[in-house]
Every structure is written in structure tokens, then in C-alpha cells.
Amino acid sequence: MPVVNLDLSDDMQTFLNGAVQAGNFGSPAAYIEALLAQTKSRLDELETKALEGLASGECLVWNDELKQRLRKEVAERLPHG
């Protein structure tokens, strides 16, 4: 596996060491790898949703009229009182 060297600020190094010492991760590398995996997963999900949106049909133009309509729809769904 390739090795990556990181220069961290003192604050980030302390934070990283704390996460490892808390027992959440076996090593700093495991913590960083988990963060990268989580970021990749979120980006993959975002890309999937964006592609689904593009394939879903007509595009809506974001303007004041649409904002007002959406606010009204949300207000109607909220419980009153």
C-alpha cells in the first residue's frame, strides 16, 4: 500500500491522537482511512442522486414563485397549533 505523509497543525494532530486514544480507531491511519471512505461514500451517493435528478424529467427553475410554492406545501404538511 502506498504511504502518504501528512503535515498537520498541532490542533489537528492533538485531535487525531485523541480519537485514536479514545479507542475509536486503532491508529491514525485507520482514522484517516475511515474519513476518506465516508467522504467517498457521500460523494458517490450525491452523484447517484444528481444523476437520478437529471433523469427524472423536467427541470424546475429556482425562483421566487417556486420558493413560495414550496414554502406553502411545507407549511400545509406541518402540524398546526
PDB file of N, CA and C in Angstrom:
ATOM      1  N   MET A   1       0.851  -1.172   0.000  1.00  0.00           N
ATOM      2  CA  MET A   1       0.000   0.000   0.000  1.00  0.00           C
ATOM      3  C   MET A   1       0.897   1.234   0.000  1.00  0.00           C
ATOM      4  N   PRO A   2       0.566   2.228  -0.801  1.00  0.00           N
ATOM      5  CA  PRO A   2       1.369   3.453  -0.838  1.00  0.00           C
ATOM      6  C   PRO A   2       1.322   4.178   0.503  1.00  0.00           C
ATOM      7  N   VAL A   3       2.365   4.885   0.815  1.00  0.00           N
ATOM      8  CA  VAL A   3       2.455   5.667   2.045  1.00  0.00           C
ATOM      9  C   VAL A   3       2.226   7.134   1.707  1.00  0.00           C
ATOM     10  N   VAL A   4       1.424   7.799   2.530  1.00  0.00           N
ATOM     11  CA  VAL A   4       1.146   9.222   2.360  1.00  0.00           C
ATOM     12  C   VAL A   4       1.588   9.924   3.641  1.00  0.00           C
ATOM     13  N   ASN A   5       2.401  10.928   3.515  1.00  0.00           N
ATOM     14  CA  ASN A   5       2.831  11.725   4.658  1.00  0.00           C
ATOM     15  C   ASN A   5       1.981  12.984   4.723  1.00  0.00           C
ATOM     16  N   LEU A   6       1.520  13.308   5.920  1.00  0.00           N
ATOM     17  CA  LEU A   6       0.692  14.500   6.108  1.00  0.00           C
ATOM     18  C   LEU A   6       1.351  15.443   7.093  1.00  0.00           C
ATOM     19  N   ASP A   7       1.317  16.718   6.794  1.00  0.00           N
ATOM     20  CA  ASP A   7       1.725  17.745   7.738  1.00  0.00           C
ATOM     21  C   ASP A   7       0.457  18.294   8.374  1.00  0.00           C
ATOM     22  N   LEU A   8       0.326  18.117   9.689  1.00  0.00           N
ATOM     23  CA  LEU A   8      -0.864  18.560  10.399  1.00  0.00           C
ATOM     24  C   LEU A   8      -0.510  19.684  11.361  1.00  0.00           C
ATOM     25  N   SER A   9      -1.461  20.579  11.566  1.00  0.00           N
ATOM     26  CA  SER A   9      -1.277  21.603  12.594  1.00  0.00           C
ATOM     27  C   SER A   9      -1.277  20.904  13.953  1.00  0.00           C
ATOM     28  N   ASP A  10      -0.789  21.575  14.954  1.00  0.00           N
ATOM     29  CA  ASP A  10      -0.777  20.996  16.300  1.00  0.00           C
ATOM     30  C   ASP A  10      -2.182  20.631  16.759  1.00  0.00           C
ATOM     31  N   ASP A  11      -3.143  21.499  16.460  1.00  0.00           N
ATOM     32  CA  ASP A  11      -4.531  21.226  16.850  1.00  0.00           C
ATOM     33  C   ASP A  11      -5.056  19.958  16.187  1.00  0.00           C
ATOM     34  N   MET A  12      -4.792  19.801  14.900  1.00  0.00           N
ATOM     35  CA  MET A  12      -5.273  18.617  14.195  1.00  0.00           C
ATOM     36  C   MET A  12      -4.560  17.350  14.681  1.00  0.00           C
ATOM     37  N   GLN A  13      -3.286  17.461  14.978  1.00  0.00           N
ATOM     38  CA  GLN A  13      -2.536  16.310  15.497  1.00  0.00           C
ATOM     39  C   GLN A  13      -3.086  15.898  16.862  1.00  0.00           C
ATOM     40  N   THR A  14      -3.389  16.861  17.704  1.00  0.00           N
ATOM     41  CA  THR A  14      -3.971  16.567  19.017  1.00  0.00           C
ATOM     42  C   THR A  14      -5.340  15.912  18.864  1.00  0.00           C
ATOM     43  N   PHE A  15      -6.139  16.436  17.960  1.00  0.00           N
ATOM     44  CA  PHE A  15      -7.460  15.861  17.704  1.00  0.00           C
ATOM     45  C   PHE A  15      -7.343  14.422  17.211  1.00  0.00           C
ATOM     46  N   LEU A  16      -6.461  14.189  16.275  1.00  0.00           N
ATOM     47  CA  LEU A  16      -6.244  12.859  15.722  1.00  0.00           C
ATOM     48  C   LEU A  16      -5.776  11.892  16.805  1.00  0.00           C
ATOM     49  N   ASN A  17      -4.817  12.322  17.604  1.00  0.00           N
ATOM     50  CA  ASN A  17      -4.318  11.473  18.688  1.00  0.00           C
ATOM     51  C   ASN A  17      -5.418  11.158  19.697  1.00  0.00           C
ATOM     52  N   GLY A  18      -6.265  12.138  19.974  1.00  0.00           N
ATOM     53  CA  GLY A  18      -7.377  11.920  20.904  1.00  0.00           C
ATOM     54  C   GLY A  18      -8.360  10.892  20.391  1.00  0.00           C
ATOM     55  N   ALA A  19      -8.659  10.936  19.089  1.00  0.00           N
ATOM     56  CA  ALA A  19      -9.579   9.952  18.504  1.00  0.00           C
ATOM     57  C   ALA A  19      -9.004   8.545  18.616  1.00  0.00           C
ATOM     58  N   VAL A  20      -7.719   8.413  18.406  1.00  0.00           N
ATOM     59  CA  VAL A  20      -7.072   7.104  18.487  1.00  0.00           C
ATOM     60  C   VAL A  20      -7.026   6.644  19.946  1.00  0.00           C
ATOM     61  N   GLN A  21      -6.652   7.530  20.863  1.00  0.00           N
ATOM     62  CA  GLN A  21      -6.547   7.169  22.274  1.00  0.00           C
ATOM     63  C   GLN A  21      -7.897   6.832  22.888  1.00  0.00           C
ATOM     64  N   ALA A  22      -8.965   7.410  22.356  1.00  0.00           N
ATOM     65  CA  ALA A  22     -10.310   7.112  22.855  1.00  0.00           C
ATOM     66  C   ALA A  22     -10.742   5.704  22.479  1.00  0.00           C
ATOM     67  N   GLY A  23      -9.952   5.045  21.656  1.00  0.00           N
ATOM     68  CA  GLY A  23     -10.266   3.673  21.279  1.00  0.00           C
ATOM     69  C   GLY A  23     -11.180   3.546  20.090  1.00  0.00           C
ATOM     70  N   ASN A  24     -11.498   4.671  19.457  1.00  0.00           N
ATOM     71  CA  ASN A  24     -12.378   4.620  18.294  1.00  0.00           C
ATOM     72  C   ASN A  24     -11.675   4.056  17.067  1.00  0.00           C
ATOM     73  N   PHE A  25     -10.358   4.198  17.032  1.00  0.00           N
ATOM     74  CA  PHE A  25      -9.581   3.748  15.877  1.00  0.00           C
ATOM     75  C   PHE A  25      -8.269   3.173  16.372  1.00  0.00           C
ATOM     76  N   GLY A  26      -7.748   2.188  15.654  1.00  0.00           N
ATOM     77  CA  GLY A  26      -6.521   1.525  16.062  1.00  0.00           C
ATOM     78  C   GLY A  26      -5.264   2.322  15.806  1.00  0.00           C
ATOM     79  N   SER A  27      -5.359   3.271  14.888  1.00  0.00           N
ATOM     80  CA  SER A  27      -4.178   4.055  14.532  1.00  0.00           C
ATOM     81  C   SER A  27      -4.632   5.321  13.824  1.00  0.00           C
ATOM     82  N   PRO A  28      -3.751   6.299  13.745  1.00  0.00           N
ATOM     83  CA  PRO A  28      -4.098   7.497  12.976  1.00  0.00           C
ATOM     84  C   PRO A  28      -4.454   7.164  11.518  1.00  0.00           C
ATOM     85  N   ALA A  29      -3.745   6.217  10.949  1.00  0.00           N
ATOM     86  CA  ALA A  29      -4.027   5.839   9.566  1.00  0.00           C
ATOM     87  C   ALA A  29      -5.438   5.266   9.430  1.00  0.00           C
ATOM     88  N   ALA A  30      -5.873   4.476  10.423  1.00  0.00           N
ATOM     89  CA  ALA A  30      -7.225   3.898  10.382  1.00  0.00           C
ATOM     90  C   ALA A  30      -8.286   4.990  10.450  1.00  0.00           C
ATOM     91  N   TYR A  31      -8.021   6.006  11.269  1.00  0.00           N
ATOM     92  CA  TYR A  31      -8.959   7.120  11.386  1.00  0.00           C
ATOM     93  C   TYR A  31      -9.064   7.877  10.065  1.00  0.00           C
ATOM     94  N   ILE A  32      -7.944   8.202   9.486  1.00  0.00           N
ATOM     95  CA  ILE A  32      -7.941   8.941   8.217  1.00  0.00           C
ATOM     96  C   ILE A  32      -8.566   8.102   7.107  1.00  0.00           C
ATOM     97  N   GLU A  33      -8.277   6.814   7.094  1.00  0.00           N
ATOM     98  CA  GLU A  33      -8.882   5.940   6.081  1.00  0.00           C
ATOM     99  C   GLU A  33     -10.400   5.895   6.236  1.00  0.00           C
ATOM    100  N   ALA A  34     -10.889   5.861   7.478  1.00  0.00           N
ATOM    101  CA  ALA A  34     -12.336   5.867   7.712  1.00  0.00           C
ATOM    102  C   ALA A  34     -12.959   7.170   7.221  1.00  0.00           C
ATOM    103  N   LEU A  35     -12.298   8.295   7.469  1.00  0.00           N
ATOM    104  CA  LEU A  35     -12.797   9.576   6.984  1.00  0.00           C
ATOM    105  C   LEU A  35     -12.868   9.617   5.459  1.00  0.00           C
ATOM    106  N   LEU A  36     -11.825   9.114   4.826  1.00  0.00           N
ATOM    107  CA  LEU A  36     -11.804   9.099   3.362  1.00  0.00           C
ATOM    108  C   LEU A  36     -12.891   8.192   2.806  1.00  0.00           C
ATOM    109  N   ALA A  37     -13.084   7.028   3.433  1.00  0.00           N
ATOM    110  CA  ALA A  37     -14.130   6.101   2.980  1.00  0.00           C
ATOM    111  C   ALA A  37     -15.512   6.736   3.133  1.00  0.00           C
ATOM    112  N   GLN A  38     -15.725   7.429   4.250  1.00  0.00           N
ATOM    113  CA  GLN A  38     -17.001   8.100   4.469  1.00  0.00           C
ATOM    114  C   GLN A  38     -17.224   9.210   3.443  1.00  0.00           C
ATOM    115  N   THR A  39     -16.201   9.976   3.164  1.00  0.00           N
ATOM    116  CA  THR A  39     -16.301  11.048   2.178  1.00  0.00           C
ATOM    117  C   THR A  39     -16.598  10.486   0.798  1.00  0.00           C
ATOM    118  N   LYS A  40     -15.890   9.423   0.424  1.00  0.00           N
ATOM    119  CA  LYS A  40     -16.124   8.792  -0.883  1.00  0.00           C
ATOM    120  C   LYS A  40     -17.555   8.281  -0.986  1.00  0.00           C
ATOM    121  N   SER A  41     -18.045   7.654   0.075  1.00  0.00           N
ATOM    122  CA  SER A  41     -19.409   7.143   0.076  1.00  0.00           C
ATOM    123  C   SER A  41     -20.425   8.268  -0.106  1.00  0.00           C
ATOM    124  N   ARG A  42     -20.217   9.366   0.595  1.00  0.00           N
ATOM    125  CA  ARG A  42     -21.138  10.503   0.469  1.00  0.00           C
ATOM    126  C   ARG A  42     -21.089  11.104  -0.928  1.00  0.00           C
ATOM    127  N   LEU A  43     -19.906  11.214  -1.503  1.00  0.00           N
ATOM    128  CA  LEU A  43     -19.796  11.751  -2.860  1.00  0.00           C
ATOM    129  C   LEU A  43     -20.441  10.817  -3.874  1.00  0.00           C
ATOM    130  N   ASP A  44     -20.260   9.508  -3.695  1.00  0.00           N
ATOM    131  CA  ASP A  44     -20.912   8.545  -4.586  1.00  0.00           C
ATOM    132  C   ASP A  44     -22.428   8.668  -4.498  1.00  0.00           C
ATOM    133  N   GLU A  45     -22.937   8.814  -3.270  1.00  0.00           N
ATOM    134  CA  GLU A  45     -24.380   8.958  -3.078  1.00  0.00           C
ATOM    135  C   GLU A  45     -24.886  10.254  -3.705  1.00  0.00           C
ATOM    136  N   LEU A  46     -24.132  11.325  -3.535  1.00  0.00           N
ATOM    137  CA  LEU A  46     -24.514  12.607  -4.127  1.00  0.00           C
ATOM    138  C   LEU A  46     -24.539  12.518  -5.648  1.00  0.00           C
ATOM    139  N   GLU A  47     -23.543  11.864  -6.219  1.00  0.00           N
ATOM    140  CA  GLU A  47     -23.511  11.710  -7.676  1.00  0.00           C
ATOM    141  C   GLU A  47     -24.708  10.895  -8.156  1.00  0.00           C
ATOM    142  N   THR A  48     -25.024   9.823  -7.448  1.00  0.00           N
ATOM    143  CA  THR A  48     -26.171   8.987  -7.814  1.00  0.00           C
ATOM    144  C   THR A  48     -27.462   9.803  -7.782  1.00  0.00           C
ATOM    145  N   LYS A  49     -27.631  10.588  -6.713  1.00  0.00           N
ATOM    146  CA  LYS A  49     -28.846  11.398  -6.599  1.00  0.00           C
ATOM    147  C   LYS A  49     -28.906  12.483  -7.679  1.00  0.00           C
ATOM    148  N   ALA A  50     -27.766  13.058  -8.002  1.00  0.00           N
ATOM    149  CA  ALA A  50     -27.733  14.073  -9.053  1.00  0.00           C
ATOM    150  C   ALA A  50     -28.118  13.465 -10.400  1.00  0.00           C
ATOM    151  N   LEU A  51     -27.582  12.289 -10.693  1.00  0.00           N
ATOM    152  CA  LEU A  51     -27.924  11.625 -11.947  1.00  0.00           C
ATOM    153  C   LEU A  51     -29.397  11.218 -11.976  1.00  0.00           C
ATOM    154  N   GLU A  52     -29.926  10.752 -10.852  1.00  0.00           N
ATOM    155  CA  GLU A  52     -31.355  10.416 -10.778  1.00  0.00           C
ATOM    156  C   GLU A  52     -32.195  11.662 -11.021  1.00  0.00           C
ATOM    157  N   GLY A  53     -31.765  12.778 -10.454  1.00  0.00           N
ATOM    158  CA  GLY A  53     -32.494  14.027 -10.658  1.00  0.00           C
ATOM    159  C   GLY A  53     -32.489  14.463 -12.110  1.00  0.00           C
ATOM    160  N   LEU A  54     -31.343  14.336 -12.758  1.00  0.00           N
ATOM    161  CA  LEU A  54     -31.256  14.712 -14.168  1.00  0.00           C
ATOM    162  C   LEU A  54     -32.137  13.831 -15.037  1.00  0.00           C
ATOM    163  N   ALA A  55     -32.264  12.563 -14.661  1.00  0.00           N
ATOM    164  CA  ALA A  55     -33.043  11.626 -15.464  1.00  0.00           C
ATOM    165  C   ALA A  55     -34.527  11.639 -15.103  1.00  0.00           C
ATOM    166  N   SER A  56     -34.912  12.412 -14.093  1.00  0.00           N
ATOM    167  CA  SER A  56     -36.282  12.341 -13.586  1.00  0.00           C
ATOM    168  C   SER A  56     -37.292  13.131 -14.397  1.00  0.00           C
ATOM    169  N   GLY A  57     -36.842  13.947 -15.311  1.00  0.00           N
ATOM    170  CA  GLY A  57     -37.806  14.685 -16.117  1.00  0.00           C
ATOM    171  C   GLY A  57     -37.502  16.154 -16.177  1.00  0.00           C
ATOM    172  N   GLU A  58     -38.567  16.930 -16.219  1.00  0.00           N
ATOM    173  CA  GLU A  58     -38.463  18.374 -16.409  1.00  0.00           C
ATOM    174  C   GLU A  58     -37.691  19.044 -15.275  1.00  0.00           C
ATOM    175  N   CYS A  59     -36.899  19.979 -15.644  1.00  0.00           N
ATOM    176  CA  CYS A  59     -36.111  20.759 -14.691  1.00  0.00           C
ATOM    177  C   CYS A  59     -36.945  21.930 -14.198  1.00  0.00           C
ATOM    178  N   LEU A  60     -36.901  22.193 -12.891  1.00  0.00           N
ATOM    179  CA  LEU A  60     -37.597  23.340 -12.329  1.00  0.00           C
ATOM    180  C   LEU A  60     -36.611  24.488 -12.172  1.00  0.00           C
ATOM    181  N   VAL A  61     -37.065  25.675 -12.520  1.00  0.00           N
ATOM    182  CA  VAL A  61     -36.228  26.861 -12.360  1.00  0.00           C
ATOM    183  C   VAL A  61     -36.441  27.384 -10.948  1.00  0.00           C
ATOM    184  N   TRP A  62     -35.340  27.547 -10.208  1.00  0.00           N
ATOM    185  CA  TRP A  62     -35.421  28.042  -8.835  1.00  0.00           C
ATOM    186  C   TRP A  62     -35.628  29.546  -8.873  1.00  0.00           C
ATOM    187  N   ASN A  63     -36.835  29.975  -8.508  1.00  0.00           N
ATOM    188  CA  ASN A  63     -37.149  31.396  -8.498  1.00  0.00           C
ATOM    189  C   ASN A  63     -38.091  31.685  -7.331  1.00  0.00           C
ATOM    190  N   ASP A  64     -38.497  32.937  -7.178  1.00  0.00           N
ATOM    191  CA  ASP A  64     -39.357  33.311  -6.052  1.00  0.00           C
ATOM    192  C   ASP A  64     -40.679  32.556  -6.060  1.00  0.00           C
ATOM    193  N   GLU A  65     -41.243  32.344  -7.219  1.00  0.00           N
ATOM    194  CA  GLU A  65     -42.523  31.636  -7.324  1.00  0.00           C
ATOM    195  C   GLU A  65     -42.392  30.198  -6.821  1.00  0.00           C
ATOM    196  N   LEU A  66     -41.341  29.516  -7.214  1.00  0.00           N
ATOM    197  CA  LEU A  66     -41.129  28.143  -6.769  1.00  0.00           C
ATOM    198  C   LEU A  66     -40.874  28.111  -5.259  1.00  0.00           C
ATOM    199  N   LYS A  67     -40.075  29.040  -4.759  1.00  0.00           N
ATOM    200  CA  LYS A  67     -39.803  29.088  -3.318  1.00  0.00           C
ATOM    201  C   LYS A  67     -41.101  29.274  -2.530  1.00  0.00           C
ATOM    202  N   GLN A  68     -41.950  30.179  -2.978  1.00  0.00           N
ATOM    203  CA  GLN A  68     -43.221  30.413  -2.291  1.00  0.00           C
ATOM    204  C   GLN A  68     -44.102  29.181  -2.329  1.00  0.00           C
ATOM    205  N   ARG A  69     -44.143  28.505  -3.470  1.00  0.00           N
ATOM    206  CA  ARG A  69     -44.960  27.296  -3.592  1.00  0.00           C
ATOM    207  C   ARG A  69     -44.462  26.202  -2.650  1.00  0.00           C
ATOM    208  N   LEU A  70     -43.146  26.033  -2.596  1.00  0.00           N
ATOM    209  CA  LEU A  70     -42.586  25.006  -1.722  1.00  0.00           C
ATOM    210  C   LEU A  70     -42.812  25.344  -0.255  1.00  0.00           C
ATOM    211  N   ARG A  71     -42.654  26.609   0.106  1.00  0.00           N
ATOM    212  CA  ARG A  71     -42.921  27.019   1.491  1.00  0.00           C
ATOM    213  C   ARG A  71     -44.371  26.733   1.871  1.00  0.00           C
ATOM    214  N   LYS A  72     -45.290  27.007   0.940  1.00  0.00           N
ATOM    215  CA  LYS A  72     -46.706  26.753   1.194  1.00  0.00           C
ATOM    216  C   LYS A  72     -46.940  25.266   1.386  1.00  0.00           C
ATOM    217  N   GLU A  73     -46.349  24.435   0.536  1.00  0.00           N
ATOM    218  CA  GLU A  73     -46.522  22.985   0.655  1.00  0.00           C
ATOM    219  C   GLU A  73     -45.977  22.468   1.988  1.00  0.00           C
ATOM    220  N   VAL A  74     -44.832  22.978   2.395  1.00  0.00           N
ATOM    221  CA  VAL A  74     -44.249  22.566   3.667  1.00  0.00           C
ATOM    222  C   VAL A  74     -45.144  23.010   4.825  1.00  0.00           C
ATOM    223  N   ALA A  75     -45.602  24.235   4.778  1.00  0.00           N
ATOM    224  CA  ALA A  75     -46.470  24.753   5.848  1.00  0.00           C
ATOM    225  C   ALA A  75     -47.743  23.930   5.961  1.00  0.00           C
ATOM    226  N   GLU A  76     -48.291  23.495   4.845  1.00  0.00           N
ATOM    227  CA  GLU A  76     -49.515  22.688   4.865  1.00  0.00           C
ATOM    228  C   GLU A  76     -49.272  21.307   5.472  1.00  0.00           C
ATOM    229  N   ARG A  77     -48.055  20.810   5.376  1.00  0.00           N
ATOM    230  CA  ARG A  77     -47.732  19.478   5.924  1.00  0.00           C
ATOM    231  C   ARG A  77     -47.406  19.503   7.409  1.00  0.00           C
ATOM    232  N   LEU A  78     -47.006  20.693   7.906  1.00  0.00           N
ATOM    233  CA  LEU A  78     -46.660  20.802   9.312  1.00  0.00           C
ATOM    234  C   LEU A  78     -47.925  20.773  10.167  1.00  0.00           C
ATOM    235  N   PRO A  79     -47.831  20.127  11.340  1.00  0.00           N
ATOM    236  CA  PRO A  79     -48.997  20.140  12.230  1.00  0.00           C
ATOM    237  C   PRO A  79     -49.245  21.557  12.744  1.00  0.00           C
ATOM    238  N   HIS A  80     -50.495  21.914  12.825  1.00  0.00           N
ATOM    239  CA  HIS A  80     -50.843  23.260  13.274  1.00  0.00           C
ATOM    240  C   HIS A  80     -51.067  23.250  14.770  1.00  0.00           C
ATOM    241  N   GLY A  81     -50.701  24.362  15.391  1.00  0.00           N
ATOM    242  CA  GLY A  81     -51.104  24.574  16.714  1.00  0.00           C
ATOM    243  C   GLY A  81     -50.275  24.466  17.845  1.00  0.00           C
TER     244      GLY A  81
END
